[in-house]
Amino acid sequence: MKIYIPLLLLIILTISFSSCSKKTESTTSTSAERLDLNEEQAARVQPVTAGLYGERKALRKLRDDVQDEILAQLKSDSVDKDSFELVLKQSWSEVEARIPKVAKAFAEYHAVLEPERRGKFAEKMEKRRERMKDGHRRRFLSFSEESHSAEDVNGKIADRLDLSVEQEKQMLPVTEELYGERTALRQARLNVYNEVLAQLKSDTADAPKLESVLRSGWSVIDERIPIVVQAFAEAHAVLIPEQRAEFVEKIERRQERRKNRRKNRRKHRWYHWH
């Protein structure tokens, strides 16, 4: 499940800084230098930078809370759907509360940047979108229409989890259910990209309109949380304890690698979502 606030934060921070330290003051200084801001412009950016620096920690914790809940449910003999849905809903509500702040931050960065600078970042975003279309077709939320079918994806799941033939058949309806939601999720993500691109190319930012697009994307996911919970419970029922335990180990190893990467990169970059 993609989170669109981090997506927009990523866009904002790509506009403002590509390499900076963990201190907010140093972050502001680095962004001012890379954007060739004058003293007055740098002063305008500083509170925005400080605010975003605080939000990344809160959003990272939300992600970790969701992963911890998934691990707890996988370790259990059965899924507590009410508990799982509550965690997802609460976390996603926290994301919604940050939408106005993020839209305002984008508008403030927009006001600082010259048209030429905004144009360059718009070009980079367009190239990234094209790479998504051309080079990432295997991803579930790829913009490409040439992605693998639900059967293909289910086969890969079966291989990774070492499912039996019977389990693979039982898992297919779950995969098809989630795969059927892909178009709406992909379109919501694309809408965010398109709106940010349009505003980067415009002389002025429209924070209310951007906020509206973000809220629409938020609603697309919020409405599908019960579907995700039900699909998780059905998949859980298909797996035997040994398979769930192996899945847990994979997730925990991934979490550990993420923590290690974060430690190794912290002295070079302060902004990490993965």
Protein backbone atom coordinates (compact mmCIF):
# COMPACT_ATOMS: atom_id res chain seq x y z
CA MET A 1 0.00 0.00 0.00
CA LYS A 2 1.67 3.20 -1.16
CA ILE A 3 1.62 6.31 0.98
CA TYR A 4 1.16 9.50 -1.07
CA ILE A 5 2.35 11.97 1.57
CA PRO A 6 5.87 10.46 1.55
CA LEU A 7 5.66 10.51 -2.24
CA LEU A 8 5.04 14.25 -2.26
CA LEU A 9 7.60 14.82 0.48
CA LEU A 10 10.06 12.97 -1.70
CA ILE A 11 9.21 15.28 -4.59
CA ILE A 12 9.58 18.37 -2.41
CA LEU A 13 12.87 17.21 -1.00
CA THR A 14 14.18 16.25 -4.43
CA ILE A 15 13.49 19.84 -5.40
CA SER A 16 15.24 21.22 -2.35
CA PHE A 17 18.16 18.95 -1.51
CA SER A 18 19.88 15.85 -2.79
CA SER A 19 22.55 15.34 -0.14
CA CYS A 20 22.58 16.75 3.36
CA SER A 21 23.42 15.94 6.96
CA LYS A 22 21.15 14.97 9.81
CA LYS A 23 21.11 18.40 11.44
CA THR A 24 18.27 20.68 10.39
CA GLU A 25 20.53 23.73 10.28
CA SER A 26 23.00 21.95 8.03
CA THR A 27 20.13 20.67 5.89
CA THR A 28 18.88 24.21 5.31
CA SER A 29 22.37 25.46 4.52
CA THR A 30 22.95 22.65 2.03
CA SER A 31 19.61 23.19 0.28
CA ALA A 32 20.31 26.93 0.00
CA GLU A 33 23.72 26.25 -1.52
CA ARG A 34 22.47 23.68 -4.03
CA LEU A 35 19.58 25.88 -5.11
CA ASP A 36 21.79 28.98 -5.17
CA LEU A 37 19.43 30.80 -2.80
CA ASN A 38 20.19 34.23 -1.47
CA GLU A 39 20.05 35.01 2.23
CA GLU A 40 16.42 36.09 2.16
CA GLN A 41 15.34 32.98 0.23
CA ALA A 42 17.27 30.71 2.57
CA ALA A 43 15.52 32.27 5.56
CA ARG A 44 12.14 31.56 3.95
CA VAL A 45 13.07 27.92 3.36
CA GLN A 46 14.43 27.23 6.85
CA PRO A 47 11.12 26.74 8.75
CA VAL A 48 9.75 24.60 5.91
CA THR A 49 12.84 22.41 5.99
CA ALA A 50 12.64 22.09 9.77
CA GLY A 51 9.00 21.03 9.57
CA LEU A 52 9.64 18.38 6.93
CA TYR A 53 12.60 17.08 8.91
CA GLY A 54 10.26 16.39 11.82
CA GLU A 55 7.58 14.79 9.66
CA ARG A 56 9.90 12.19 8.15
CA LYS A 57 10.51 10.71 11.62
CA ALA A 58 6.80 10.53 12.41
CA LEU A 59 5.96 8.90 9.08
CA ARG A 60 8.79 6.42 9.44
CA LYS A 61 7.35 5.41 12.83
CA LEU A 62 3.92 4.90 11.26
CA ARG A 63 5.46 2.58 8.69
CA ASP A 64 7.29 0.66 11.41
CA ASP A 65 4.10 0.34 13.47
CA VAL A 66 2.28 -1.21 10.51
CA GLN A 67 5.14 -3.65 9.86
CA ASP A 68 5.23 -4.63 13.53
CA GLU A 69 1.51 -5.38 13.39
CA ILE A 70 1.96 -7.51 10.27
CA LEU A 71 4.72 -9.47 11.99
CA ALA A 72 2.58 -9.99 15.08
CA GLN A 73 -0.32 -11.26 12.97
CA LEU A 74 1.94 -13.61 11.00
CA LYS A 75 3.29 -15.07 14.24
CA SER A 76 -0.25 -15.71 15.49
CA ASP A 77 -2.30 -18.81 14.64
CA SER A 78 -5.08 -16.62 13.26
CA VAL A 79 -5.57 -13.04 12.14
CA ASP A 80 -7.25 -10.51 14.38
CA LYS A 81 -8.87 -8.53 11.58
CA ASP A 82 -10.30 -5.85 13.88
CA SER A 83 -6.90 -5.16 15.42
CA PHE A 84 -5.14 -5.14 12.06
CA GLU A 85 -7.68 -2.82 10.47
CA LEU A 86 -7.52 -0.48 13.47
CA VAL A 87 -3.75 -0.14 13.15
CA LEU A 88 -4.00 0.53 9.41
CA LYS A 89 -6.82 3.04 9.84
CA GLN A 90 -5.06 4.90 12.64
CA SER A 91 -1.80 5.09 10.75
CA TRP A 92 -3.51 6.24 7.57
CA SER A 93 -5.46 8.89 9.53
CA GLU A 94 -2.15 10.25 10.76
CA VAL A 95 -1.10 10.59 7.14
CA GLU A 96 -4.30 12.47 6.28
CA ALA A 97 -3.64 14.97 9.06
CA ARG A 98 -0.37 15.95 7.36
CA ILE A 99 -1.83 16.67 3.92
CA PRO A 100 -2.40 20.42 4.44
CA LYS A 101 1.11 20.90 5.80
CA VAL A 102 2.70 19.07 2.89
CA ALA A 103 0.69 20.99 0.27
CA LYS A 104 1.64 24.27 1.94
CA ALA A 105 5.31 23.25 2.06
CA PHE A 106 5.27 22.53 -1.67
CA ALA A 107 3.77 25.95 -2.36
CA GLU A 108 6.43 27.64 -0.23
CA TYR A 109 9.26 25.88 -2.06
CA HIS A 110 7.58 26.75 -5.35
CA ALA A 111 7.56 30.44 -4.41
CA VAL A 112 11.30 30.39 -3.72
CA LEU A 113 12.42 28.67 -6.93
CA GLU A 114 12.91 30.48 -10.22
CA PRO A 115 11.00 29.20 -13.30
CA GLU A 116 14.16 27.72 -14.83
CA ARG A 117 14.89 25.71 -11.70
CA ARG A 118 11.33 24.44 -11.46
CA GLY A 119 11.48 23.50 -15.13
CA LYS A 120 14.55 21.38 -14.59
CA PHE A 121 12.89 19.45 -11.79
CA ALA A 122 9.76 18.99 -13.86
CA GLU A 123 11.92 17.43 -16.58
CA LYS A 124 13.48 15.07 -14.05
CA MET A 125 10.05 14.01 -12.80
CA GLU A 126 8.84 13.38 -16.35
CA LYS A 127 11.87 11.20 -17.05
CA ARG A 128 11.24 9.28 -13.83
CA ARG A 129 7.65 8.69 -14.85
CA GLU A 130 8.79 7.39 -18.23
CA ARG A 131 11.25 5.04 -16.53
CA MET A 132 8.37 3.73 -14.44
CA LYS A 133 6.44 3.02 -17.62
CA ASP A 134 9.33 1.43 -19.47
CA GLY A 135 11.53 -0.18 -16.87
CA HIS A 136 9.44 -1.21 -13.90
CA ARG A 137 6.63 -3.20 -15.42
CA ARG A 138 6.88 -5.97 -12.87
CA ARG A 139 5.96 -3.68 -10.00
CA PHE A 140 2.40 -3.96 -8.73
CA LEU A 141 1.77 -0.22 -9.04
CA SER A 142 3.73 0.30 -12.25
CA PHE A 143 2.13 2.83 -14.60
CA SER A 144 2.66 0.39 -17.46
CA GLU A 145 -0.28 -1.52 -18.88
CA GLU A 146 2.06 -4.36 -19.85
CA SER A 147 2.60 -5.67 -16.36
CA HIS A 148 2.31 -9.35 -15.50
CA SER A 149 -1.10 -10.92 -14.99
CA ALA A 150 -2.54 -11.91 -11.63
CA GLU A 151 -1.67 -15.53 -12.46
CA ASP A 152 1.95 -14.55 -13.10
CA VAL A 153 2.14 -12.67 -9.81
CA ASN A 154 0.50 -15.54 -7.96
CA GLY A 155 3.05 -17.93 -9.42
CA LYS A 156 5.89 -15.76 -8.15
CA ILE A 157 4.29 -15.66 -4.70
CA ALA A 158 4.00 -19.43 -4.77
CA ASP A 159 7.68 -19.78 -5.66
CA ARG A 160 8.87 -17.38 -2.98
CA LEU A 161 6.75 -18.93 -0.26
CA ASP A 162 7.28 -22.49 -1.49
CA LEU A 163 3.56 -23.13 -1.80
CA SER A 164 2.15 -26.48 -2.83
CA VAL A 165 0.05 -26.75 -5.96
CA GLU A 166 -3.10 -26.77 -3.84
CA GLN A 167 -1.99 -23.72 -1.86
CA GLU A 168 -1.20 -21.86 -5.06
CA LYS A 169 -4.77 -22.50 -6.25
CA GLN A 170 -6.15 -21.31 -2.91
CA MET A 171 -4.02 -18.15 -3.05
CA LEU A 172 -5.07 -17.16 -6.59
CA PRO A 173 -8.47 -15.59 -5.64
CA VAL A 174 -6.67 -13.46 -3.03
CA THR A 175 -4.12 -12.29 -5.58
CA GLU A 176 -6.83 -11.58 -8.14
CA GLU A 177 -8.79 -9.52 -5.61
CA LEU A 178 -5.81 -7.31 -4.86
CA TYR A 179 -4.75 -7.19 -8.48
CA GLY A 180 -8.20 -5.91 -9.40
CA GLU A 181 -7.60 -2.85 -7.23
CA ARG A 182 -4.35 -2.01 -8.99
CA THR A 183 -5.84 0.32 -11.61
CA ALA A 184 -7.41 2.67 -9.07
CA LEU A 185 -4.28 2.74 -6.93
CA ARG A 186 -2.05 3.34 -9.92
CA GLN A 187 -4.26 6.15 -11.18
CA ALA A 188 -4.25 7.86 -7.79
CA ARG A 189 -0.47 7.76 -7.77
CA LEU A 190 -0.30 9.08 -11.32
CA ASN A 191 -2.68 11.91 -10.43
CA VAL A 192 -0.26 13.11 -7.76
CA TYR A 193 2.62 13.09 -10.24
CA ASN A 194 0.56 14.93 -12.87
CA GLU A 195 -0.59 17.63 -10.46
CA VAL A 196 2.88 18.27 -9.09
CA LEU A 197 4.25 18.46 -12.64
CA ALA A 198 1.53 20.90 -13.69
CA GLN A 199 2.21 23.13 -10.71
CA LEU A 200 5.97 23.06 -11.24
CA LYS A 201 5.35 24.33 -14.76
CA SER A 202 2.98 27.02 -13.55
CA ASP A 203 4.04 30.48 -12.34
CA THR A 204 2.22 29.93 -9.06
CA ALA A 205 1.43 26.94 -6.88
CA ASP A 206 -2.16 26.07 -6.01
CA ALA A 207 -1.93 24.51 -2.54
CA PRO A 208 -5.71 23.91 -2.17
CA LYS A 209 -5.83 22.05 -5.49
CA LEU A 210 -2.79 19.96 -4.60
CA GLU A 211 -4.34 19.22 -1.22
CA SER A 212 -7.52 18.08 -2.98
CA VAL A 213 -5.57 15.69 -5.23
CA LEU A 214 -3.72 14.30 -2.22
CA ARG A 215 -6.95 13.79 -0.32
CA SER A 216 -8.45 11.97 -3.29
CA GLY A 217 -5.46 9.64 -3.36
CA TRP A 218 -5.71 9.19 0.38
CA SER A 219 -9.39 8.21 0.06
CA VAL A 220 -8.63 5.65 -2.66
CA ILE A 221 -6.38 3.79 -0.23
CA ASP A 222 -8.53 4.38 2.85
CA GLU A 223 -11.53 2.79 1.14
CA ARG A 224 -9.46 -0.30 0.35
CA ILE A 225 -8.09 -0.97 3.83
CA PRO A 226 -10.86 -3.51 4.63
CA ILE A 227 -10.07 -5.30 1.35
CA VAL A 228 -6.39 -5.47 2.28
CA VAL A 229 -7.22 -6.82 5.75
CA GLN A 230 -9.53 -9.49 4.36
CA ALA A 231 -6.97 -10.53 1.75
CA PHE A 232 -4.27 -10.75 4.41
CA ALA A 233 -6.49 -12.95 6.58
CA GLU A 234 -7.25 -15.27 3.65
CA ALA A 235 -3.59 -15.53 2.71
CA HIS A 236 -2.71 -16.20 6.35
CA ALA A 237 -5.17 -19.10 6.39
CA VAL A 238 -3.54 -20.65 3.32
CA LEU A 239 -0.04 -20.70 4.82
CA ILE A 240 1.12 -23.31 7.27
CA PRO A 241 3.01 -22.19 10.41
CA GLU A 242 6.41 -23.04 8.92
CA GLN A 243 5.72 -20.90 5.84
CA ARG A 244 4.55 -17.99 7.96
CA ALA A 245 7.66 -18.31 10.10
CA GLU A 246 9.85 -18.18 7.00
CA PHE A 247 7.93 -15.13 5.80
CA VAL A 248 8.49 -13.47 9.19
CA GLU A 249 12.22 -14.13 8.93
CA LYS A 250 12.35 -12.51 5.51
CA ILE A 251 10.55 -9.40 6.73
CA GLU A 252 12.77 -9.14 9.81
CA ARG A 253 15.92 -9.51 7.70
CA ARG A 254 14.66 -6.77 5.43
CA GLN A 255 13.99 -4.53 8.42
CA GLU A 256 17.51 -5.14 9.69
CA ARG A 257 19.02 -4.33 6.30
CA ARG A 258 17.01 -1.12 6.20
CA LYS A 259 18.26 -0.12 9.64
CA ASN A 260 21.84 -0.85 8.64
CA ARG A 261 21.53 1.15 5.43
CA ARG A 262 20.05 4.02 7.40
CA LYS A 263 22.99 4.00 9.80
CA ASN A 264 25.52 3.83 6.99
CA ARG A 265 23.93 6.65 5.02
CA ARG A 266 23.01 8.94 7.88
CA LYS A 267 26.23 10.89 7.73
CA HIS A 268 25.68 11.49 4.00
CA ARG A 269 21.92 11.84 3.63
CA TRP A 270 19.20 12.64 6.15
CA TYR A 271 16.17 11.70 4.04
CA HIS A 272 15.37 7.96 3.70
CA TRP A 273 12.08 6.19 3.03
CA HIS A 274 13.61 2.78 2.27
